[in-house]
Amino acid sequence: MVVHALIRREPAGELHSTTPTWDASTSRVGFVVSKAVGGAVIRHRVTRRLRHLMVDRLAGLPAGTQVVVRALPASAAASSAELGADLDSALRKLLRGSS
């Protein structure tokens, strides 16, 4: 899987960002599961599993973070434990790179 994140940072001083604003206290996540992953039943199963796994991980993200998780075809055959490990690894890399 591929994970992208937009981590909200407060602008310094009086500077105003031209980036669209969202609720700074709420992190959000979206999922992209293409037809390459499988048929509709498989895609929805992968989405449900990823959504369930992300619920617990959202609390560990900085407030206002927006995350997009893109499932690759191998996600269809992966166990929940494997998907969770992949998510943890990807989120660690993103958070380490944002510091």
PDB file of N, CA and C in Angstrom:
ATOM      1  N   MET A   1       0.830  -1.172   0.000  1.00  0.00           N
ATOM      2  CA  MET A   1       0.000   0.000   0.000  1.00  0.00           C
ATOM      3  C   MET A   1       0.875   1.236   0.000  1.00  0.00           C
ATOM      4  N   VAL A   2       0.276   2.333  -0.382  1.00  0.00           N
ATOM      5  CA  VAL A   2       0.952   3.622  -0.396  1.00  0.00           C
ATOM      6  C   VAL A   2       0.137   4.559   0.488  1.00  0.00           C
ATOM      7  N   VAL A   3       0.820   5.298   1.357  1.00  0.00           N
ATOM      8  CA  VAL A   3       0.135   6.210   2.263  1.00  0.00           C
ATOM      9  C   VAL A   3       0.690   7.614   2.061  1.00  0.00           C
ATOM     10  N   HIS A   4      -0.206   8.570   1.883  1.00  0.00           N
ATOM     11  CA  HIS A   4       0.162   9.987   1.761  1.00  0.00           C
ATOM     12  C   HIS A   4      -0.481  10.722   2.931  1.00  0.00           C
ATOM     13  N   ALA A   5       0.200  11.753   3.424  1.00  0.00           N
ATOM     14  CA  ALA A   5      -0.367  12.521   4.538  1.00  0.00           C
ATOM     15  C   ALA A   5      -0.065  13.993   4.362  1.00  0.00           C
ATOM     16  N   LEU A   6      -1.007  14.809   4.777  1.00  0.00           N
ATOM     17  CA  LEU A   6      -0.839  16.250   4.861  1.00  0.00           C
ATOM     18  C   LEU A   6      -0.963  16.580   6.334  1.00  0.00           C
ATOM     19  N   ILE A   7       0.157  16.959   6.927  1.00  0.00           N
ATOM     20  CA  ILE A   7       0.185  17.219   8.360  1.00  0.00           C
ATOM     21  C   ILE A   7       0.063  18.714   8.572  1.00  0.00           C
ATOM     22  N   ARG A   8      -0.978  19.110   9.280  1.00  0.00           N
ATOM     23  CA  ARG A   8      -1.264  20.526   9.501  1.00  0.00           C
ATOM     24  C   ARG A   8      -0.241  21.119  10.457  1.00  0.00           C
ATOM     25  N   ARG A   9       0.270  22.260  10.066  1.00  0.00           N
ATOM     26  CA  ARG A   9       1.172  23.020  10.926  1.00  0.00           C
ATOM     27  C   ARG A   9       0.618  24.427  11.044  1.00  0.00           C
ATOM     28  N   GLU A  10       0.681  24.980  12.222  1.00  0.00           N
ATOM     29  CA  GLU A  10       0.203  26.339  12.441  1.00  0.00           C
ATOM     30  C   GLU A  10       1.176  27.316  11.787  1.00  0.00           C
ATOM     31  N   PRO A  11       0.668  28.287  11.032  1.00  0.00           N
ATOM     32  CA  PRO A  11       1.567  29.277  10.429  1.00  0.00           C
ATOM     33  C   PRO A  11       2.208  30.136  11.507  1.00  0.00           C
ATOM     34  N   ALA A  12       3.455  30.518  11.273  1.00  0.00           N
ATOM     35  CA  ALA A  12       4.184  31.350  12.240  1.00  0.00           C
ATOM     36  C   ALA A  12       3.697  32.794  12.154  1.00  0.00           C
ATOM     37  N   GLY A  13       3.515  33.415  13.300  1.00  0.00           N
ATOM     38  CA  GLY A  13       3.146  34.829  13.343  1.00  0.00           C
ATOM     39  C   GLY A  13       1.832  35.110  12.653  1.00  0.00           C
ATOM     40  N   GLU A  14       1.816  36.177  11.886  1.00  0.00           N
ATOM     41  CA  GLU A  14       0.604  36.641  11.214  1.00  0.00           C
ATOM     42  C   GLU A  14       0.461  36.109   9.797  1.00  0.00           C
ATOM     43  N   LEU A  15       1.338  35.220   9.380  1.00  0.00           N
ATOM     44  CA  LEU A  15       1.261  34.701   8.016  1.00  0.00           C
ATOM     45  C   LEU A  15       0.003  33.860   7.854  1.00  0.00           C
ATOM     46  N   HIS A  16      -0.629  33.988   6.713  1.00  0.00           N
ATOM     47  CA  HIS A  16      -1.829  33.202   6.430  1.00  0.00           C
ATOM     48  C   HIS A  16      -1.541  32.293   5.259  1.00  0.00           C
ATOM     49  N   SER A  17      -1.929  31.059   5.376  1.00  0.00           N
ATOM     50  CA  SER A  17      -1.705  30.075   4.334  1.00  0.00           C
ATOM     51  C   SER A  17      -2.810  30.135   3.297  1.00  0.00           C
ATOM     52  N   THR A  18      -2.456  29.846   2.048  1.00  0.00           N
ATOM     53  CA  THR A  18      -3.464  29.772   0.984  1.00  0.00           C
ATOM     54  C   THR A  18      -3.998  28.357   0.846  1.00  0.00           C
ATOM     55  N   THR A  19      -3.481  27.439   1.675  1.00  0.00           N
ATOM     56  CA  THR A  19      -3.958  26.064   1.668  1.00  0.00           C
ATOM     57  C   THR A  19      -5.379  26.017   2.222  1.00  0.00           C
ATOM     58  N   PRO A  20      -6.259  25.221   1.609  1.00  0.00           N
ATOM     59  CA  PRO A  20      -7.611  25.107   2.163  1.00  0.00           C
ATOM     60  C   PRO A  20      -7.560  24.697   3.624  1.00  0.00           C
ATOM     61  N   THR A  21      -8.461  25.236   4.397  1.00  0.00           N
ATOM     62  CA  THR A  21      -8.462  24.941   5.824  1.00  0.00           C
ATOM     63  C   THR A  21      -9.431  23.811   6.143  1.00  0.00           C
ATOM     64  N   TRP A  22      -9.190  23.152   7.248  1.00  0.00           N
ATOM     65  CA  TRP A  22     -10.083  22.137   7.759  1.00  0.00           C
ATOM     66  C   TRP A  22     -10.007  22.210   9.275  1.00  0.00           C
ATOM     67  N   ASP A  23     -10.862  21.514   9.919  1.00  0.00           N
ATOM     68  CA  ASP A  23     -10.908  21.517  11.374  1.00  0.00           C
ATOM     69  C   ASP A  23      -9.579  21.012  11.923  1.00  0.00           C
ATOM     70  N   ALA A  24      -8.885  21.862  12.659  1.00  0.00           N
ATOM     71  CA  ALA A  24      -7.553  21.537  13.159  1.00  0.00           C
ATOM     72  C   ALA A  24      -7.563  20.430  14.197  1.00  0.00           C
ATOM     73  N   SER A  25      -8.690  20.144  14.791  1.00  0.00           N
ATOM     74  CA  SER A  25      -8.731  19.127  15.837  1.00  0.00           C
ATOM     75  C   SER A  25      -9.089  17.747  15.309  1.00  0.00           C
ATOM     76  N   THR A  26      -9.484  17.640  14.069  1.00  0.00           N
ATOM     77  CA  THR A  26      -9.957  16.376  13.519  1.00  0.00           C
ATOM     78  C   THR A  26      -9.017  15.864  12.432  1.00  0.00           C
ATOM     79  N   SER A  27      -8.520  14.656  12.596  1.00  0.00           N
ATOM     80  CA  SER A  27      -7.752  14.001  11.542  1.00  0.00           C
ATOM     81  C   SER A  27      -8.731  13.246  10.653  1.00  0.00           C
ATOM     82  N   ARG A  28      -8.397  13.171   9.370  1.00  0.00           N
ATOM     83  CA  ARG A  28      -9.282  12.488   8.422  1.00  0.00           C
ATOM     84  C   ARG A  28      -8.481  11.501   7.598  1.00  0.00           C
ATOM     85  N   VAL A  29      -9.166  10.489   7.124  1.00  0.00           N
ATOM     86  CA  VAL A  29      -8.519   9.487   6.286  1.00  0.00           C
ATOM     87  C   VAL A  29      -9.437   9.141   5.121  1.00  0.00           C
ATOM     88  N   GLY A  30      -8.833   8.925   3.972  1.00  0.00           N
ATOM     89  CA  GLY A  30      -9.566   8.499   2.783  1.00  0.00           C
ATOM     90  C   GLY A  30      -8.867   7.281   2.189  1.00  0.00           C
ATOM     91  N   PHE A  31      -9.607   6.504   1.424  1.00  0.00           N
ATOM     92  CA  PHE A  31      -9.069   5.268   0.861  1.00  0.00           C
ATOM     93  C   PHE A  31      -9.261   5.248  -0.641  1.00  0.00           C
ATOM     94  N   VAL A  32      -8.242   4.745  -1.345  1.00  0.00           N
ATOM     95  CA  VAL A  32      -8.313   4.553  -2.784  1.00  0.00           C
ATOM     96  C   VAL A  32      -8.058   3.075  -3.022  1.00  0.00           C
ATOM     97  N   VAL A  33      -9.077   2.378  -3.500  1.00  0.00           N
ATOM     98  CA  VAL A  33      -8.960   0.949  -3.781  1.00  0.00           C
ATOM     99  C   VAL A  33      -9.468   0.749  -5.203  1.00  0.00           C
ATOM    100  N   SER A  34      -8.536   0.618  -6.137  1.00  0.00           N
ATOM    101  CA  SER A  34      -8.908   0.562  -7.550  1.00  0.00           C
ATOM    102  C   SER A  34      -9.366  -0.835  -7.968  1.00  0.00           C
ATOM    103  N   LYS A  35      -9.859  -0.932  -9.189  1.00  0.00           N
ATOM    104  CA  LYS A  35     -10.312  -2.212  -9.728  1.00  0.00           C
ATOM    105  C   LYS A  35      -9.167  -3.204  -9.883  1.00  0.00           C
ATOM    106  N   ALA A  36      -7.923  -2.720  -9.857  1.00  0.00           N
ATOM    107  CA  ALA A  36      -6.773  -3.617  -9.945  1.00  0.00           C
ATOM    108  C   ALA A  36      -6.694  -4.521  -8.709  1.00  0.00           C
ATOM    109  N   VAL A  37      -7.296  -4.093  -7.604  1.00  0.00           N
ATOM    110  CA  VAL A  37      -7.293  -4.886  -6.374  1.00  0.00           C
ATOM    111  C   VAL A  37      -8.225  -6.080  -6.511  1.00  0.00           C
ATOM    112  N   GLY A  38      -9.320  -5.917  -7.227  1.00  0.00           N
ATOM    113  CA  GLY A  38     -10.262  -7.014  -7.414  1.00  0.00           C
ATOM    114  C   GLY A  38     -11.642  -6.487  -7.730  1.00  0.00           C
ATOM    115  N   GLY A  39     -12.605  -7.386  -7.693  1.00  0.00           N
ATOM    116  CA  GLY A  39     -13.992  -7.011  -7.945  1.00  0.00           C
ATOM    117  C   GLY A  39     -14.545  -6.179  -6.804  1.00  0.00           C
ATOM    118  N   ALA A  40     -15.796  -5.770  -6.943  1.00  0.00           N
ATOM    119  CA  ALA A  40     -16.409  -4.876  -5.963  1.00  0.00           C
ATOM    120  C   ALA A  40     -16.410  -5.463  -4.553  1.00  0.00           C
ATOM    121  N   VAL A  41     -16.707  -6.740  -4.430  1.00  0.00           N
ATOM    122  CA  VAL A  41     -16.758  -7.365  -3.105  1.00  0.00           C
ATOM    123  C   VAL A  41     -15.377  -7.324  -2.447  1.00  0.00           C
ATOM    124  N   ILE A  42     -14.352  -7.645  -3.202  1.00  0.00           N
ATOM    125  CA  ILE A  42     -12.979  -7.633  -2.677  1.00  0.00           C
ATOM    126  C   ILE A  42     -12.565  -6.212  -2.321  1.00  0.00           C
ATOM    127  N   ARG A  43     -12.849  -5.252  -3.201  1.00  0.00           N
ATOM    128  CA  ARG A  43     -12.480  -3.856  -2.939  1.00  0.00           C
ATOM    129  C   ARG A  43     -13.146  -3.341  -1.676  1.00  0.00           C
ATOM    130  N   HIS A  44     -14.419  -3.630  -1.500  1.00  0.00           N
ATOM    131  CA  HIS A  44     -15.132  -3.167  -0.309  1.00  0.00           C
ATOM    132  C   HIS A  44     -14.603  -3.858   0.949  1.00  0.00           C
ATOM    133  N   ARG A  45     -14.235  -5.126   0.841  1.00  0.00           N
ATOM    134  CA  ARG A  45     -13.662  -5.833   1.989  1.00  0.00           C
ATOM    135  C   ARG A  45     -12.337  -5.189   2.395  1.00  0.00           C
ATOM    136  N   VAL A  46     -11.494  -4.892   1.416  1.00  0.00           N
ATOM    137  CA  VAL A  46     -10.208  -4.242   1.703  1.00  0.00           C
ATOM    138  C   VAL A  46     -10.442  -2.875   2.339  1.00  0.00           C
ATOM    139  N   THR A  47     -11.390  -2.119   1.808  1.00  0.00           N
ATOM    140  CA  THR A  47     -11.695  -0.794   2.366  1.00  0.00           C
ATOM    141  C   THR A  47     -12.174  -0.909   3.808  1.00  0.00           C
ATOM    142  N   ARG A  48     -13.063  -1.850   4.090  1.00  0.00           N
ATOM    143  CA  ARG A  48     -13.564  -2.034   5.459  1.00  0.00           C
ATOM    144  C   ARG A  48     -12.440  -2.406   6.421  1.00  0.00           C
ATOM    145  N   ARG A  49     -11.559  -3.302   5.978  1.00  0.00           N
ATOM    146  CA  ARG A  49     -10.447  -3.706   6.832  1.00  0.00           C
ATOM    147  C   ARG A  49      -9.504  -2.541   7.099  1.00  0.00           C
ATOM    148  N   LEU A  50      -9.192  -1.771   6.058  1.00  0.00           N
ATOM    149  CA  LEU A  50      -8.309  -0.615   6.231  1.00  0.00           C
ATOM    150  C   LEU A  50      -8.951   0.433   7.137  1.00  0.00           C
ATOM    151  N   ARG A  51     -10.252   0.663   6.956  1.00  0.00           N
ATOM    152  CA  ARG A  51     -10.957   1.638   7.798  1.00  0.00           C
ATOM    153  C   ARG A  51     -10.892   1.211   9.261  1.00  0.00           C
ATOM    154  N   HIS A  52     -11.136  -0.066   9.519  1.00  0.00           N
ATOM    155  CA  HIS A  52     -11.090  -0.587  10.887  1.00  0.00           C
ATOM    156  C   HIS A  52      -9.686  -0.414  11.484  1.00  0.00           C
ATOM    157  N   LEU A  53      -8.665  -0.689  10.693  1.00  0.00           N
ATOM    158  CA  LEU A  53      -7.292  -0.564  11.174  1.00  0.00           C
ATOM    159  C   LEU A  53      -6.903   0.890  11.433  1.00  0.00           C
ATOM    160  N   MET A  54      -7.414   1.813  10.632  1.00  0.00           N
ATOM    161  CA  MET A  54      -7.041   3.221  10.781  1.00  0.00           C
ATOM    162  C   MET A  54      -7.700   3.892  11.976  1.00  0.00           C
ATOM    163  N   VAL A  55      -8.822   3.371  12.444  1.00  0.00           N
ATOM    164  CA  VAL A  55      -9.534   3.990  13.572  1.00  0.00           C
ATOM    165  C   VAL A  55      -8.600   4.135  14.776  1.00  0.00           C
ATOM    166  N   ASP A  56      -7.895   3.076  15.121  1.00  0.00           N
ATOM    167  CA  ASP A  56      -6.999   3.121  16.272  1.00  0.00           C
ATOM    168  C   ASP A  56      -5.757   3.965  16.008  1.00  0.00           C
ATOM    169  N   ARG A  57      -5.340   4.052  14.768  1.00  0.00           N
ATOM    170  CA  ARG A  57      -4.105   4.762  14.434  1.00  0.00           C
ATOM    171  C   ARG A  57      -4.298   6.274  14.294  1.00  0.00           C
ATOM    172  N   LEU A  58      -5.521   6.723  14.086  1.00  0.00           N
ATOM    173  CA  LEU A  58      -5.767   8.163  13.942  1.00  0.00           C
ATOM    174  C   LEU A  58      -5.400   8.928  15.207  1.00  0.00           C
ATOM    175  N   ALA A  59      -5.606   8.321  16.359  1.00  0.00           N
ATOM    176  CA  ALA A  59      -5.296   9.001  17.625  1.00  0.00           C
ATOM    177  C   ALA A  59      -3.808   9.291  17.757  1.00  0.00           C
ATOM    178  N   GLY A  60      -2.965   8.521  17.110  1.00  0.00           N
ATOM    179  CA  GLY A  60      -1.523   8.719  17.191  1.00  0.00           C
ATOM    180  C   GLY A  60      -0.978   9.744  16.217  1.00  0.00           C
ATOM    181  N   LEU A  61      -1.849  10.309  15.386  1.00  0.00           N
ATOM    182  CA  LEU A  61      -1.418  11.308  14.405  1.00  0.00           C
ATOM    183  C   LEU A  61      -1.601  12.710  14.960  1.00  0.00           C
ATOM    184  N   PRO A  62      -0.795  13.656  14.492  1.00  0.00           N
ATOM    185  CA  PRO A  62      -1.000  15.040  14.922  1.00  0.00           C
ATOM    186  C   PRO A  62      -2.406  15.514  14.553  1.00  0.00           C
ATOM    187  N   ALA A  63      -2.983  16.363  15.389  1.00  0.00           N
ATOM    188  CA  ALA A  63      -4.336  16.868  15.143  1.00  0.00           C
ATOM    189  C   ALA A  63      -4.409  17.548  13.778  1.00  0.00           C
ATOM    190  N   GLY A  64      -5.479  17.286  13.057  1.00  0.00           N
ATOM    191  CA  GLY A  64      -5.704  17.911  11.764  1.00  0.00           C
ATOM    192  C   GLY A  64      -5.009  17.245  10.592  1.00  0.00           C
ATOM    193  N   THR A  65      -4.395  16.088  10.808  1.00  0.00           N
ATOM    194  CA  THR A  65      -3.698  15.387   9.726  1.00  0.00           C
ATOM    195  C   THR A  65      -4.707  14.782   8.764  1.00  0.00           C
ATOM    196  N   GLN A  66      -4.410  14.894   7.491  1.00  0.00           N
ATOM    197  CA  GLN A  66      -5.228  14.254   6.461  1.00  0.00           C
ATOM    198  C   GLN A  66      -4.398  13.140   5.835  1.00  0.00           C
ATOM    199  N   VAL A  67      -4.976  11.949   5.761  1.00  0.00           N
ATOM    200  CA  VAL A  67      -4.267  10.766   5.273  1.00  0.00           C
ATOM    201  C   VAL A  67      -5.038  10.156   4.117  1.00  0.00           C
ATOM    202  N   VAL A  68      -4.299   9.728   3.088  1.00  0.00           N
ATOM    203  CA  VAL A  68      -4.883   8.960   1.989  1.00  0.00           C
ATOM    204  C   VAL A  68      -4.133   7.640   1.920  1.00  0.00           C
ATOM    205  N   VAL A  69      -4.877   6.539   1.981  1.00  0.00           N
ATOM    206  CA  VAL A  69      -4.309   5.196   1.905  1.00  0.00           C
ATOM    207  C   VAL A  69      -4.715   4.616   0.559  1.00  0.00           C
ATOM    208  N   ARG A  70      -3.709   4.259  -0.254  1.00  0.00           N
ATOM    209  CA  ARG A  70      -3.984   3.655  -1.563  1.00  0.00           C
ATOM    210  C   ARG A  70      -3.597   2.189  -1.494  1.00  0.00           C
ATOM    211  N   ALA A  71      -4.585   1.332  -1.655  1.00  0.00           N
ATOM    212  CA  ALA A  71      -4.350  -0.111  -1.600  1.00  0.00           C
ATOM    213  C   ALA A  71      -3.807  -0.600  -2.935  1.00  0.00           C
ATOM    214  N   LEU A  72      -2.788  -1.417  -2.871  1.00  0.00           N
ATOM    215  CA  LEU A  72      -2.222  -2.045  -4.064  1.00  0.00           C
ATOM    216  C   LEU A  72      -2.855  -3.427  -4.229  1.00  0.00           C
ATOM    217  N   PRO A  73      -2.730  -4.047  -5.406  1.00  0.00           N
ATOM    218  CA  PRO A  73      -3.383  -5.335  -5.642  1.00  0.00           C
ATOM    219  C   PRO A  73      -3.072  -6.412  -4.596  1.00  0.00           C
ATOM    220  N   ALA A  74      -1.879  -6.415  -4.024  1.00  0.00           N
ATOM    221  CA  ALA A  74      -1.533  -7.430  -3.027  1.00  0.00           C
ATOM    222  C   ALA A  74      -2.365  -7.293  -1.752  1.00  0.00           C
ATOM    223  N   SER A  75      -3.013  -6.153  -1.559  1.00  0.00           N
ATOM    224  CA  SER A  75      -3.846  -5.942  -0.365  1.00  0.00           C
ATOM    225  C   SER A  75      -5.016  -6.905  -0.309  1.00  0.00           C
ATOM    226  N   ALA A  76      -5.484  -7.374  -1.459  1.00  0.00           N
ATOM    227  CA  ALA A  76      -6.630  -8.278  -1.495  1.00  0.00           C
ATOM    228  C   ALA A  76      -6.328  -9.597  -0.807  1.00  0.00           C
ATOM    229  N   ALA A  77      -5.090 -10.068  -0.909  1.00  0.00           N
ATOM    230  CA  ALA A  77      -4.729 -11.359  -0.326  1.00  0.00           C
ATOM    231  C   ALA A  77      -4.065 -11.223   1.044  1.00  0.00           C
ATOM    232  N   ALA A  78      -3.798 -10.008   1.487  1.00  0.00           N
ATOM    233  CA  ALA A  78      -3.094  -9.790   2.752  1.00  0.00           C
ATOM    234  C   ALA A  78      -4.033  -9.994   3.939  1.00  0.00           C
ATOM    235  N   SER A  79      -3.476 -10.490   5.025  1.00  0.00           N
ATOM    236  CA  SER A  79      -4.260 -10.632   6.254  1.00  0.00           C
ATOM    237  C   SER A  79      -4.379  -9.269   6.924  1.00  0.00           C
ATOM    238  N   SER A  80      -5.277  -9.177   7.891  1.00  0.00           N
ATOM    239  CA  SER A  80      -5.421  -7.917   8.632  1.00  0.00           C
ATOM    240  C   SER A  80      -4.133  -7.573   9.361  1.00  0.00           C
ATOM    241  N   ALA A  81      -3.437  -8.578   9.876  1.00  0.00           N
ATOM    242  CA  ALA A  81      -2.162  -8.344  10.572  1.00  0.00           C
ATOM    243  C   ALA A  81      -1.130  -7.759   9.605  1.00  0.00           C
ATOM    244  N   GLU A  82      -1.083  -8.282   8.395  1.00  0.00           N
ATOM    245  CA  GLU A  82      -0.143  -7.768   7.391  1.00  0.00           C
ATOM    246  C   GLU A  82      -0.502  -6.349   6.986  1.00  0.00           C
ATOM    247  N   LEU A  83      -1.786  -6.082   6.790  1.00  0.00           N
ATOM    248  CA  LEU A  83      -2.213  -4.724   6.448  1.00  0.00           C
ATOM    249  C   LEU A  83      -1.878  -3.758   7.583  1.00  0.00           C
ATOM    250  N   GLY A  84      -2.105  -4.188   8.821  1.00  0.00           N
ATOM    251  CA  GLY A  84      -1.792  -3.356   9.977  1.00  0.00           C
ATOM    252  C   GLY A  84      -0.306  -3.053  10.071  1.00  0.00           C
ATOM    253  N   ALA A  85       0.523  -4.065   9.830  1.00  0.00           N
ATOM    254  CA  ALA A  85       1.977  -3.865   9.867  1.00  0.00           C
ATOM    255  C   ALA A  85       2.415  -2.902   8.772  1.00  0.00           C
ATOM    256  N   ASP A  86       1.831  -3.032   7.574  1.00  0.00           N
ATOM    257  CA  ASP A  86       2.154  -2.123   6.474  1.00  0.00           C
ATOM    258  C   ASP A  86       1.732  -0.693   6.812  1.00  0.00           C
ATOM    259  N   LEU A  87       0.542  -0.540   7.399  1.00  0.00           N
ATOM    260  CA  LEU A  87       0.082   0.795   7.799  1.00  0.00           C
ATOM    261  C   LEU A  87       1.011   1.407   8.843  1.00  0.00           C
ATOM    262  N   ASP A  88       1.371   0.615   9.848  1.00  0.00           N
ATOM    263  CA  ASP A  88       2.261   1.117  10.897  1.00  0.00           C
ATOM    264  C   ASP A  88       3.595   1.569  10.320  1.00  0.00           C
ATOM    265  N   SER A  89       4.147   0.767   9.435  1.00  0.00           N
ATOM    266  CA  SER A  89       5.425   1.101   8.810  1.00  0.00           C
ATOM    267  C   SER A  89       5.323   2.393   7.996  1.00  0.00           C
ATOM    268  N   ALA A  90       4.277   2.505   7.194  1.00  0.00           N
ATOM    269  CA  ALA A  90       4.104   3.689   6.349  1.00  0.00           C
ATOM    270  C   ALA A  90       3.881   4.947   7.195  1.00  0.00           C
ATOM    271  N   LEU A  91       3.084   4.833   8.246  1.00  0.00           N
ATOM    272  CA  LEU A  91       2.821   5.992   9.101  1.00  0.00           C
ATOM    273  C   LEU A  91       4.074   6.406   9.871  1.00  0.00           C
ATOM    274  N   ARG A  92       4.873   5.436  10.310  1.00  0.00           N
ATOM    275  CA  ARG A  92       6.141   5.773  10.986  1.00  0.00           C
ATOM    276  C   ARG A  92       7.049   6.558  10.053  1.00  0.00           C
ATOM    277  N   LYS A  93       7.155   6.111   8.796  1.00  0.00           N
ATOM    278  CA  LYS A  93       7.998   6.813   7.814  1.00  0.00           C
ATOM    279  C   LYS A  93       7.494   8.232   7.574  1.00  0.00           C
ATOM    280  N   LEU A  94       6.181   8.382   7.451  1.00  0.00           N
ATOM    281  CA  LEU A  94       5.614   9.711   7.212  1.00  0.00           C
ATOM    282  C   LEU A  94       5.865  10.645   8.391  1.00  0.00           C
ATOM    283  N   LEU A  95       5.643  10.155   9.598  1.00  0.00           N
ATOM    284  CA  LEU A  95       5.825  10.989  10.785  1.00  0.00           C
ATOM    285  C   LEU A  95       7.289  11.310  11.035  1.00  0.00           C
ATOM    286  N   ARG A  96       8.160  10.378  10.743  1.00  0.00           N
ATOM    287  CA  ARG A  96       9.605  10.614  10.903  1.00  0.00           C
ATOM    288  C   ARG A  96      10.069  11.662   9.886  1.00  0.00           C
ATOM    289  N   GLY A  97       9.545  11.589   8.670  1.00  0.00           N
ATOM    290  CA  GLY A  97       9.931  12.544   7.627  1.00  0.00           C
ATOM    291  C   GLY A  97       9.360  13.933   7.841  1.00  0.00           C
ATOM    292  N   SER A  98       8.325  14.059   8.653  1.00  0.00           N
ATOM    293  CA  SER A  98       7.695  15.363   8.856  1.00  0.00           C
ATOM    294  C   SER A  98       8.321  16.146  10.000  1.00  0.00           C
ATOM    295  N   SER A  99       9.169  15.496  10.789  1.00  0.00           N
ATOM    296  CA  SER A  99       9.754  16.162  11.969  1.00  0.00           C
ATOM    297  C   SER A  99      10.787  17.184  11.583  1.00  0.00           C
TER     298      SER A  99
END
